[in-house]
Amino acid sequence: MISGAFRRLKHRRRQARAIAEIAARPIGEGAGHGLAAPLIVSLTSYPARFGTLALTLKAILRQSIRADRVILWLDEGDEDSLPVEVTELKAEGLEIAACPAWRSYKKIVPTLLAWPEANIVTADDDVYYPRDWLAGLVRAMSGGARVICHRAHRISLNADQTPRPYGEWQHNIAEPEQSARVFLTGVMGVIYAPGAFHEEITRDDLFTRLSPGSDDVWLYWMHRLAGVEAQKIGGRARILEWGGSQAQSLRTENVAGSGNDRAIQAMLGRYGWPS
C-alpha cells in the first residue's frame, strides 16, 4: 500500500512539472521542419479522454519545430462535447475534423487518405510530449529513415522465424535500432514517410476485421510488406500518462487480453510473415 501511494505521489509530481513546462513554452515560435514534403501531426480522441486532451494538444502544438498541420480526428458529433480549452487551440493552428468510427485507426487512416504525399506523425491523446519530441523524429527522417519511432519492442522469433507470443518479446528496448524486428509502439509517436506502406494500408474492410483493436500490429505489417524497416531512436522511452486518462484503454485488451496475439495470427493468416 505504501509503495502504491508513493508511486501515485511521484506521478502527481511528474505531471505537475510537465504541465508547468508546457505552459512555459512559447506559442507559435517553432522553427521550420526542412523536409521536402509537408509535415502533418495526426491524432484522435474520444469523450472519455477530453478532460486531459488539451494538455497533449498544447504539448504537440508548442514544439521546437513547427508542423504544417496538426489534425484531431473525431467520430461524427464528438466535437460538440469538446471542452472550450480544446476548441480554443484552433487559434494555435489545431484543426478538428470528423471521420468514420475507426477506433485508434482514426489517428492515421483519414490523414493518409487526404494527404498521401505528406510525412505523417501519429501521436496518442493521453501522454506528455517533450518540446523536442517532434524534432527528434524529423532529424531521423532527414537522415534517410522512412519509419521512425521513440518507443519500440524487439520481436522474438521461433526457430522457424515466426513471431513468438507478444508477451515474450523484448519490450521498450533501450538502444537505437533499425531492423525487421523493430516493432514500433504508437504511444510516444511515429513518423511515416510518403509511400512507406503497402497498398492495402487504408482498407477498412481488412483492418477492422483482422486487427480491430491493434493498430500497431496492422501498421507493422503494412510497412514491412512495403519493404520498410522501422528505426527506433533514443533510449528507453519513459511515458507520462495524464491522471484520469486511462479509465478506458485498449491496453488491457491488447496486452493482458491477448488482443495483439489474435491480431498477429490473423495477419499471418492473410499475409504470412513479412521477414
C-alpha atoms as a PDB file:
ATOM      1  CA  MET A   1       0.000   0.000   0.000  1.00  0.00           C
ATOM      2  CA  ILE A   2       2.843   2.397   0.856  1.00  0.00           C
ATOM      3  CA  SER A   3       4.616   1.708  -2.434  1.00  0.00           C
ATOM      4  CA  GLY A   4       1.399   2.334  -4.349  1.00  0.00           C
ATOM      5  CA  ALA A   5       0.860   5.640  -2.570  1.00  0.00           C
ATOM      6  CA  PHE A   6       4.468   6.619  -3.263  1.00  0.00           C
ATOM      7  CA  ARG A   7       4.080   5.849  -6.962  1.00  0.00           C
ATOM      8  CA  ARG A   8       0.947   7.977  -7.115  1.00  0.00           C
ATOM      9  CA  LEU A   9       2.749  10.836  -5.395  1.00  0.00           C
ATOM     10  CA  LYS A  10       5.670  10.602  -7.838  1.00  0.00           C
ATOM     11  CA  HIS A  11       3.231  10.582 -10.755  1.00  0.00           C
ATOM     12  CA  ARG A  12       1.442  13.687  -9.469  1.00  0.00           C
ATOM     13  CA  ARG A  13       4.765  15.481  -9.113  1.00  0.00           C
ATOM     14  CA  ARG A  14       5.905  14.476 -12.621  1.00  0.00           C
ATOM     15  CA  GLN A  15       2.576  15.577 -14.022  1.00  0.00           C
ATOM     16  CA  ALA A  16       2.729  18.943 -12.270  1.00  0.00           C
ATOM     17  CA  ARG A  17       6.225  19.563 -13.666  1.00  0.00           C
ATOM     18  CA  ALA A  18       5.085  18.577 -17.152  1.00  0.00           C
ATOM     19  CA  ILE A  19       2.055  20.873 -17.050  1.00  0.00           C
ATOM     20  CA  ALA A  20       4.216  23.777 -15.892  1.00  0.00           C
ATOM     21  CA  GLU A  21       6.773  23.080 -18.622  1.00  0.00           C
ATOM     22  CA  ILE A  22       4.108  23.062 -21.343  1.00  0.00           C
ATOM     23  CA  ALA A  23       2.600  26.315 -20.050  1.00  0.00           C
ATOM     24  CA  ALA A  24       6.031  27.986 -20.190  1.00  0.00           C
ATOM     25  CA  ARG A  25       6.644  27.129 -23.852  1.00  0.00           C
ATOM     26  CA  PRO A  26       6.488  29.966 -26.395  1.00  0.00           C
ATOM     27  CA  ILE A  27       3.459  29.890 -28.673  1.00  0.00           C
ATOM     28  CA  GLY A  28       3.881  29.971 -32.439  1.00  0.00           C
ATOM     29  CA  GLU A  29       7.675  30.126 -32.442  1.00  0.00           C
ATOM     30  CA  GLY A  30       8.669  26.688 -33.716  1.00  0.00           C
ATOM     31  CA  ALA A  31      11.280  26.515 -36.467  1.00  0.00           C
ATOM     32  CA  GLY A  32      10.605  25.122 -39.937  1.00  0.00           C
ATOM     33  CA  HIS A  33      10.996  21.373 -40.370  1.00  0.00           C
ATOM     34  CA  GLY A  34      13.043  21.440 -43.597  1.00  0.00           C
ATOM     35  CA  LEU A  35      11.526  18.268 -45.072  1.00  0.00           C
ATOM     36  CA  ALA A  36      10.724  18.057 -48.777  1.00  0.00           C
ATOM     37  CA  ALA A  37       7.083  17.035 -48.180  1.00  0.00           C
ATOM     38  CA  PRO A  38       4.503  18.551 -45.809  1.00  0.00           C
ATOM     39  CA  LEU A  39       4.668  17.527 -42.142  1.00  0.00           C
ATOM     40  CA  ILE A  40       1.339  16.628 -40.519  1.00  0.00           C
ATOM     41  CA  VAL A  41       0.747  15.551 -36.916  1.00  0.00           C
ATOM     42  CA  SER A  42      -2.383  13.418 -36.738  1.00  0.00           C
ATOM     43  CA  LEU A  43      -4.202  12.077 -33.684  1.00  0.00           C
ATOM     44  CA  THR A  44      -7.618  11.063 -32.440  1.00  0.00           C
ATOM     45  CA  SER A  45      -9.536  11.111 -29.193  1.00  0.00           C
ATOM     46  CA  TYR A  46     -12.927  10.322 -27.678  1.00  0.00           C
ATOM     47  CA  PRO A  47     -15.074  11.851 -24.909  1.00  0.00           C
ATOM     48  CA  ALA A  48     -13.601   9.791 -22.048  1.00  0.00           C
ATOM     49  CA  ARG A  49     -10.241  11.471 -22.766  1.00  0.00           C
ATOM     50  CA  PHE A  50     -11.488  15.003 -23.404  1.00  0.00           C
ATOM     51  CA  GLY A  51     -10.747  16.112 -19.834  1.00  0.00           C
ATOM     52  CA  THR A  52      -6.974  15.934 -20.358  1.00  0.00           C
ATOM     53  CA  LEU A  53      -6.846  16.282 -24.145  1.00  0.00           C
ATOM     54  CA  ALA A  54      -5.858  19.967 -24.100  1.00  0.00           C
ATOM     55  CA  LEU A  55      -2.641  19.134 -22.256  1.00  0.00           C
ATOM     56  CA  THR A  56      -1.493  16.767 -25.014  1.00  0.00           C
ATOM     57  CA  LEU A  57      -2.565  19.147 -27.778  1.00  0.00           C
ATOM     58  CA  LYS A  58      -0.655  22.049 -26.241  1.00  0.00           C
ATOM     59  CA  ALA A  59       2.437  19.848 -25.950  1.00  0.00           C
ATOM     60  CA  ILE A  60       2.150  18.989 -29.661  1.00  0.00           C
ATOM     61  CA  LEU A  61       1.352  22.491 -30.891  1.00  0.00           C
ATOM     62  CA  ARG A  62       4.180  24.097 -28.911  1.00  0.00           C
ATOM     63  CA  GLN A  63       7.120  22.103 -30.266  1.00  0.00           C
ATOM     64  CA  SER A  64      10.614  23.374 -31.085  1.00  0.00           C
ATOM     65  CA  ILE A  65       9.857  22.773 -34.764  1.00  0.00           C
ATOM     66  CA  ARG A  66       6.553  23.512 -36.406  1.00  0.00           C
ATOM     67  CA  ALA A  67       4.309  21.042 -38.222  1.00  0.00           C
ATOM     68  CA  ASP A  68       2.398  22.258 -41.254  1.00  0.00           C
ATOM     69  CA  ARG A  69      -0.827  20.893 -39.783  1.00  0.00           C
ATOM     70  CA  VAL A  70      -1.994  19.354 -36.509  1.00  0.00           C
ATOM     71  CA  ILE A  71      -5.254  17.471 -37.037  1.00  0.00           C
ATOM     72  CA  LEU A  72      -7.550  15.981 -34.395  1.00  0.00           C
ATOM     73  CA  TRP A  73      -9.901  13.363 -35.866  1.00  0.00           C
ATOM     74  CA  LEU A  74     -13.153  12.594 -34.053  1.00  0.00           C
ATOM     75  CA  ASP A  75     -16.252  10.478 -34.515  1.00  0.00           C
ATOM     76  CA  GLU A  76     -19.143  12.393 -36.040  1.00  0.00           C
ATOM     77  CA  GLY A  77     -20.803  14.511 -33.336  1.00  0.00           C
ATOM     78  CA  ASP A  78     -17.998  14.277 -30.764  1.00  0.00           C
ATOM     79  CA  GLU A  79     -16.788  17.809 -31.479  1.00  0.00           C
ATOM     80  CA  ASP A  80     -19.908  19.081 -29.732  1.00  0.00           C
ATOM     81  CA  SER A  81     -18.578  17.583 -26.470  1.00  0.00           C
ATOM     82  CA  LEU A  82     -15.106  19.118 -26.650  1.00  0.00           C
ATOM     83  CA  PRO A  83     -14.123  21.415 -23.767  1.00  0.00           C
ATOM     84  CA  VAL A  84     -13.590  25.077 -24.581  1.00  0.00           C
ATOM     85  CA  GLU A  85      -9.888  24.765 -23.734  1.00  0.00           C
ATOM     86  CA  VAL A  86      -9.549  22.357 -26.674  1.00  0.00           C
ATOM     87  CA  THR A  87     -11.525  24.342 -29.235  1.00  0.00           C
ATOM     88  CA  GLU A  88      -9.603  27.482 -28.257  1.00  0.00           C
ATOM     89  CA  LEU A  89      -6.457  25.794 -29.561  1.00  0.00           C
ATOM     90  CA  LYS A  90      -7.696  26.380 -33.110  1.00  0.00           C
ATOM     91  CA  ALA A  91      -6.092  29.787 -32.606  1.00  0.00           C
ATOM     92  CA  GLU A  92      -2.728  27.981 -32.365  1.00  0.00           C
ATOM     93  CA  GLY A  93      -3.350  26.032 -35.566  1.00  0.00           C
ATOM     94  CA  LEU A  94      -5.291  22.999 -34.375  1.00  0.00           C
ATOM     95  CA  GLU A  95      -7.641  21.515 -36.987  1.00  0.00           C
ATOM     96  CA  ILE A  96     -10.607  19.380 -35.923  1.00  0.00           C
ATOM     97  CA  ALA A  97     -12.351  17.037 -38.362  1.00  0.00           C
ATOM     98  CA  ALA A  98     -14.807  14.142 -38.338  1.00  0.00           C
ATOM     99  CA  CYS A  99     -14.205  10.713 -39.874  1.00  0.00           C
ATOM    100  CA  PRO A 100     -15.634   7.163 -39.744  1.00  0.00           C
ATOM    101  CA  ALA A 101     -15.608   5.409 -36.369  1.00  0.00           C
ATOM    102  CA  TRP A 102     -12.361   3.520 -36.948  1.00  0.00           C
ATOM    103  CA  ARG A 103     -11.244   3.492 -33.289  1.00  0.00           C
ATOM    104  CA  SER A 104      -7.472   4.048 -32.989  1.00  0.00           C
ATOM    105  CA  TYR A 105      -7.076   3.949 -36.772  1.00  0.00           C
ATOM    106  CA  LYS A 106      -8.632   7.412 -36.863  1.00  0.00           C
ATOM    107  CA  LYS A 107      -5.232   8.842 -35.977  1.00  0.00           C
ATOM    108  CA  ILE A 108      -3.704   7.832 -39.319  1.00  0.00           C
ATOM    109  CA  VAL A 109      -6.099   6.466 -41.960  1.00  0.00           C
ATOM    110  CA  PRO A 110      -8.081   9.688 -42.632  1.00  0.00           C
ATOM    111  CA  THR A 111      -4.843  11.659 -42.964  1.00  0.00           C
ATOM    112  CA  LEU A 112      -3.346   9.053 -45.310  1.00  0.00           C
ATOM    113  CA  LEU A 113      -6.447   9.246 -47.477  1.00  0.00           C
ATOM    114  CA  ALA A 114      -6.438  13.045 -47.604  1.00  0.00           C
ATOM    115  CA  TRP A 115      -2.673  13.709 -47.806  1.00  0.00           C
ATOM    116  CA  PRO A 116      -0.850  10.598 -49.094  1.00  0.00           C
ATOM    117  CA  GLU A 117       2.118  12.749 -50.147  1.00  0.00           C
ATOM    118  CA  ALA A 118       2.784  14.030 -46.604  1.00  0.00           C
ATOM    119  CA  ASN A 119       5.132  12.978 -43.832  1.00  0.00           C
ATOM    120  CA  ILE A 120       2.615  11.872 -41.208  1.00  0.00           C
ATOM    121  CA  VAL A 121       3.342  11.821 -37.478  1.00  0.00           C
ATOM    122  CA  THR A 122       0.899   9.915 -35.291  1.00  0.00           C
ATOM    123  CA  ALA A 123       0.506  10.687 -31.613  1.00  0.00           C
ATOM    124  CA  ASP A 124      -1.593   9.418 -28.739  1.00  0.00           C
ATOM    125  CA  ASP A 125      -4.023  11.715 -26.950  1.00  0.00           C
ATOM    126  CA  ASP A 126      -3.221  10.863 -23.340  1.00  0.00           C
ATOM    127  CA  VAL A 127       0.507  11.447 -22.803  1.00  0.00           C
ATOM    128  CA  TYR A 128       3.063  14.229 -22.353  1.00  0.00           C
ATOM    129  CA  TYR A 129       5.371  15.068 -25.270  1.00  0.00           C
ATOM    130  CA  PRO A 130       8.607  16.989 -24.566  1.00  0.00           C
ATOM    131  CA  ARG A 131       9.304  20.115 -26.606  1.00  0.00           C
ATOM    132  CA  ASP A 132      11.913  18.385 -28.806  1.00  0.00           C
ATOM    133  CA  TRP A 133       9.751  15.289 -29.407  1.00  0.00           C
ATOM    134  CA  LEU A 134       8.901  16.200 -32.998  1.00  0.00           C
ATOM    135  CA  ALA A 135      12.422  17.439 -33.755  1.00  0.00           C
ATOM    136  CA  GLY A 136      13.884  14.019 -32.934  1.00  0.00           C
ATOM    137  CA  LEU A 137      11.598  12.288 -35.414  1.00  0.00           C
ATOM    138  CA  VAL A 138      12.304  14.863 -38.125  1.00  0.00           C
ATOM    139  CA  ARG A 139      16.078  14.610 -37.647  1.00  0.00           C
ATOM    140  CA  ALA A 140      15.962  10.857 -38.181  1.00  0.00           C
ATOM    141  CA  MET A 141      13.827  11.269 -41.279  1.00  0.00           C
ATOM    142  CA  SER A 142      16.231  13.865 -42.646  1.00  0.00           C
ATOM    143  CA  GLY A 143      18.906  11.169 -42.288  1.00  0.00           C
ATOM    144  CA  GLY A 144      17.058   8.859 -44.648  1.00  0.00           C
ATOM    145  CA  ALA A 145      14.890   6.669 -42.410  1.00  0.00           C
ATOM    146  CA  ARG A 146      11.272   6.220 -43.546  1.00  0.00           C
ATOM    147  CA  VAL A 147       9.509   4.966 -40.400  1.00  0.00           C
ATOM    148  CA  ILE A 148      10.819   6.282 -37.076  1.00  0.00           C
ATOM    149  CA  CYS A 149       9.571   5.886 -33.514  1.00  0.00           C
ATOM    150  CA  HIS A 150      10.605   6.887 -29.994  1.00  0.00           C
ATOM    151  CA  ARG A 151       9.437   3.626 -28.408  1.00  0.00           C
ATOM    152  CA  ALA A 152       9.613   0.072 -29.756  1.00  0.00           C
ATOM    153  CA  HIS A 153       9.723  -3.599 -28.896  1.00  0.00           C
ATOM    154  CA  ARG A 154      12.037  -6.195 -30.422  1.00  0.00           C
ATOM    155  CA  ILE A 155      10.142  -9.155 -31.842  1.00  0.00           C
ATOM    156  CA  SER A 156      11.270 -12.532 -30.534  1.00  0.00           C
ATOM    157  CA  LEU A 157      11.198 -15.300 -33.132  1.00  0.00           C
ATOM    158  CA  ASN A 158      10.723 -19.060 -33.088  1.00  0.00           C
ATOM    159  CA  ALA A 159      13.194 -21.379 -34.788  1.00  0.00           C
ATOM    160  CA  ASP A 160      11.100 -21.216 -37.970  1.00  0.00           C
ATOM    161  CA  GLN A 161      11.379 -17.395 -37.931  1.00  0.00           C
ATOM    162  CA  THR A 162       7.737 -16.822 -36.982  1.00  0.00           C
ATOM    163  CA  PRO A 163       6.936 -14.482 -34.066  1.00  0.00           C
ATOM    164  CA  ARG A 164       6.723 -15.768 -30.520  1.00  0.00           C
ATOM    165  CA  PRO A 165       3.757 -14.641 -28.356  1.00  0.00           C
ATOM    166  CA  TYR A 166       3.666 -10.885 -27.780  1.00  0.00           C
ATOM    167  CA  GLY A 167       4.356 -11.229 -24.053  1.00  0.00           C
ATOM    168  CA  GLU A 168       7.712 -12.900 -24.820  1.00  0.00           C
ATOM    169  CA  TRP A 169       9.065 -10.033 -26.926  1.00  0.00           C
ATOM    170  CA  GLN A 170      11.717  -7.623 -25.608  1.00  0.00           C
ATOM    171  CA  HIS A 171       9.607  -4.669 -24.578  1.00  0.00           C
ATOM    172  CA  ASN A 172      10.585  -0.990 -24.628  1.00  0.00           C
ATOM    173  CA  ILE A 173      14.085  -1.603 -25.958  1.00  0.00           C
ATOM    174  CA  ALA A 174      16.766   0.656 -24.551  1.00  0.00           C
ATOM    175  CA  GLU A 175      19.007   1.302 -27.564  1.00  0.00           C
ATOM    176  CA  PRO A 176      18.534   2.821 -31.023  1.00  0.00           C
ATOM    177  CA  GLU A 177      17.948   0.153 -33.637  1.00  0.00           C
ATOM    178  CA  GLN A 178      16.767  -0.296 -37.201  1.00  0.00           C
ATOM    179  CA  SER A 179      15.818  -3.811 -38.289  1.00  0.00           C
ATOM    180  CA  ALA A 180      12.944  -6.001 -39.409  1.00  0.00           C
ATOM    181  CA  ARG A 181      12.412  -6.984 -35.758  1.00  0.00           C
ATOM    182  CA  VAL A 182      11.760  -3.439 -34.520  1.00  0.00           C
ATOM    183  CA  PHE A 183       8.067  -3.245 -33.682  1.00  0.00           C
ATOM    184  CA  LEU A 184       7.001   0.354 -33.177  1.00  0.00           C
ATOM    185  CA  THR A 185       4.560   1.329 -30.456  1.00  0.00           C
ATOM    186  CA  GLY A 186       2.494   4.376 -31.268  1.00  0.00           C
ATOM    187  CA  VAL A 187       2.182   5.764 -27.761  1.00  0.00           C
ATOM    188  CA  MET A 188       5.272   8.007 -27.994  1.00  0.00           C
ATOM    189  CA  GLY A 189       4.768   8.982 -31.615  1.00  0.00           C
ATOM    190  CA  VAL A 190       5.807   7.668 -35.026  1.00  0.00           C
ATOM    191  CA  ILE A 191       6.658   9.418 -38.289  1.00  0.00           C
ATOM    192  CA  TYR A 192       5.902   7.798 -41.642  1.00  0.00           C
ATOM    193  CA  ALA A 193       7.365   8.942 -44.951  1.00  0.00           C
ATOM    194  CA  PRO A 194       5.198   9.076 -48.081  1.00  0.00           C
ATOM    195  CA  GLY A 195       4.973   5.664 -49.699  1.00  0.00           C
ATOM    196  CA  ALA A 196       6.126   3.771 -46.602  1.00  0.00           C
ATOM    197  CA  PHE A 197       3.083   1.476 -46.574  1.00  0.00           C
ATOM    198  CA  HIS A 198       1.690  -1.452 -48.532  1.00  0.00           C
ATOM    199  CA  GLU A 199      -1.152  -0.528 -50.879  1.00  0.00           C
ATOM    200  CA  GLU A 200      -3.795  -2.059 -48.573  1.00  0.00           C
ATOM    201  CA  ILE A 201      -2.986   0.250 -45.646  1.00  0.00           C
ATOM    202  CA  THR A 202      -6.305   2.144 -45.805  1.00  0.00           C
ATOM    203  CA  ARG A 203      -8.601  -0.838 -46.406  1.00  0.00           C
ATOM    204  CA  ASP A 204     -11.075  -0.604 -43.554  1.00  0.00           C
ATOM    205  CA  ASP A 205     -12.705  -3.900 -44.563  1.00  0.00           C
ATOM    206  CA  LEU A 206      -9.400  -5.559 -43.633  1.00  0.00           C
ATOM    207  CA  PHE A 207      -8.040  -3.701 -40.599  1.00  0.00           C
ATOM    208  CA  THR A 208     -11.427  -3.693 -38.845  1.00  0.00           C
ATOM    209  CA  ARG A 209     -11.619  -7.475 -39.289  1.00  0.00           C
ATOM    210  CA  LEU A 210      -8.013  -8.656 -38.918  1.00  0.00           C
ATOM    211  CA  SER A 211      -6.719  -6.250 -36.287  1.00  0.00           C
ATOM    212  CA  PRO A 212      -9.622  -4.173 -34.970  1.00  0.00           C
ATOM    213  CA  GLY A 213      -8.007  -3.004 -31.736  1.00  0.00           C
ATOM    214  CA  SER A 214      -4.306  -3.475 -32.541  1.00  0.00           C
ATOM    215  CA  ASP A 215      -3.332  -0.728 -34.949  1.00  0.00           C
ATOM    216  CA  ASP A 216       0.369  -1.198 -34.139  1.00  0.00           C
ATOM    217  CA  VAL A 217       0.165  -4.760 -35.499  1.00  0.00           C
ATOM    218  CA  TRP A 218      -1.555  -3.648 -38.690  1.00  0.00           C
ATOM    219  CA  LEU A 219       0.903  -0.780 -39.225  1.00  0.00           C
ATOM    220  CA  TYR A 220       3.895  -3.074 -38.673  1.00  0.00           C
ATOM    221  CA  TRP A 221       2.704  -5.481 -41.359  1.00  0.00           C
ATOM    222  CA  MET A 222       1.874  -2.659 -43.753  1.00  0.00           C
ATOM    223  CA  HIS A 223       5.312  -1.020 -43.633  1.00  0.00           C
ATOM    224  CA  ARG A 224       7.159  -4.341 -43.649  1.00  0.00           C
ATOM    225  CA  LEU A 225       5.193  -5.563 -46.671  1.00  0.00           C
ATOM    226  CA  ALA A 226       6.385  -2.382 -48.381  1.00  0.00           C
ATOM    227  CA  GLY A 227       9.985  -3.390 -47.598  1.00  0.00           C
ATOM    228  CA  VAL A 228      10.478  -0.685 -44.959  1.00  0.00           C
ATOM    229  CA  GLU A 229      12.179  -1.305 -41.604  1.00  0.00           C
ATOM    230  CA  ALA A 230      11.334   0.853 -38.598  1.00  0.00           C
ATOM    231  CA  GLN A 231      14.061   2.835 -36.852  1.00  0.00           C
ATOM    232  CA  LYS A 232      13.834   3.269 -33.100  1.00  0.00           C
ATOM    233  CA  ILE A 233      15.635   6.394 -31.848  1.00  0.00           C
ATOM    234  CA  GLY A 234      16.897   7.369 -28.412  1.00  0.00           C
ATOM    235  CA  GLY A 235      16.983   5.378 -25.197  1.00  0.00           C
ATOM    236  CA  ARG A 236      14.238   3.585 -23.304  1.00  0.00           C
ATOM    237  CA  ALA A 237      11.083   5.689 -23.550  1.00  0.00           C
ATOM    238  CA  ARG A 238       9.506   6.928 -20.348  1.00  0.00           C
ATOM    239  CA  ILE A 239       5.774   7.514 -20.691  1.00  0.00           C
ATOM    240  CA  LEU A 240       3.866  10.065 -18.633  1.00  0.00           C
ATOM    241  CA  GLU A 241       0.125   9.487 -18.930  1.00  0.00           C
ATOM    242  CA  TRP A 242      -2.211  12.159 -17.649  1.00  0.00           C
ATOM    243  CA  GLY A 243      -4.075  11.230 -14.482  1.00  0.00           C
ATOM    244  CA  GLY A 244      -7.635  10.127 -15.219  1.00  0.00           C
ATOM    245  CA  SER A 245      -6.964   9.425 -18.913  1.00  0.00           C
ATOM    246  CA  GLN A 246      -6.823   5.623 -18.598  1.00  0.00           C
ATOM    247  CA  ALA A 247     -10.363   4.841 -17.493  1.00  0.00           C
ATOM    248  CA  GLN A 248     -10.919   3.399 -20.973  1.00  0.00           C
ATOM    249  CA  SER A 249      -7.931   1.960 -22.822  1.00  0.00           C
ATOM    250  CA  LEU A 250      -7.084  -0.620 -25.481  1.00  0.00           C
ATOM    251  CA  ARG A 251      -4.069  -1.726 -23.446  1.00  0.00           C
ATOM    252  CA  THR A 252      -5.935  -4.307 -21.356  1.00  0.00           C
ATOM    253  CA  GLU A 253      -7.492  -5.812 -24.468  1.00  0.00           C
ATOM    254  CA  ASN A 254      -4.255  -5.879 -26.446  1.00  0.00           C
ATOM    255  CA  VAL A 255      -1.728  -6.944 -23.819  1.00  0.00           C
ATOM    256  CA  ALA A 256      -3.441  -8.663 -20.907  1.00  0.00           C
ATOM    257  CA  GLY A 257      -6.313  -9.857 -23.091  1.00  0.00           C
ATOM    258  CA  SER A 258      -4.037 -11.192 -25.872  1.00  0.00           C
ATOM    259  CA  GLY A 259      -5.626  -8.918 -28.475  1.00  0.00           C
ATOM    260  CA  ASN A 260      -2.221  -8.414 -30.056  1.00  0.00           C
ATOM    261  CA  ASP A 261      -1.663 -12.177 -30.373  1.00  0.00           C
ATOM    262  CA  ARG A 262      -5.059 -12.641 -32.028  1.00  0.00           C
ATOM    263  CA  ALA A 263      -4.263  -9.834 -34.470  1.00  0.00           C
ATOM    264  CA  ILE A 264      -0.837 -11.291 -35.228  1.00  0.00           C
ATOM    265  CA  GLN A 265      -2.350 -14.687 -36.027  1.00  0.00           C
ATOM    266  CA  ALA A 266      -4.943 -13.071 -38.283  1.00  0.00           C
ATOM    267  CA  MET A 267      -2.262 -11.105 -40.127  1.00  0.00           C
ATOM    268  CA  LEU A 268      -0.133 -14.224 -40.524  1.00  0.00           C
ATOM    269  CA  GLY A 269      -3.126 -15.993 -41.997  1.00  0.00           C
ATOM    270  CA  ARG A 270      -3.653 -13.358 -44.668  1.00  0.00           C
ATOM    271  CA  TYR A 271      -0.145 -12.092 -45.428  1.00  0.00           C
ATOM    272  CA  GLY A 272       2.316 -14.554 -43.915  1.00  0.00           C
ATOM    273  CA  TRP A 273       5.367 -13.341 -42.005  1.00  0.00           C
ATOM    274  CA  PRO A 274       6.937 -10.280 -43.703  1.00  0.00           C
ATOM    275  CA  SER A 275      10.537 -11.262 -42.942  1.00  0.00           C
END
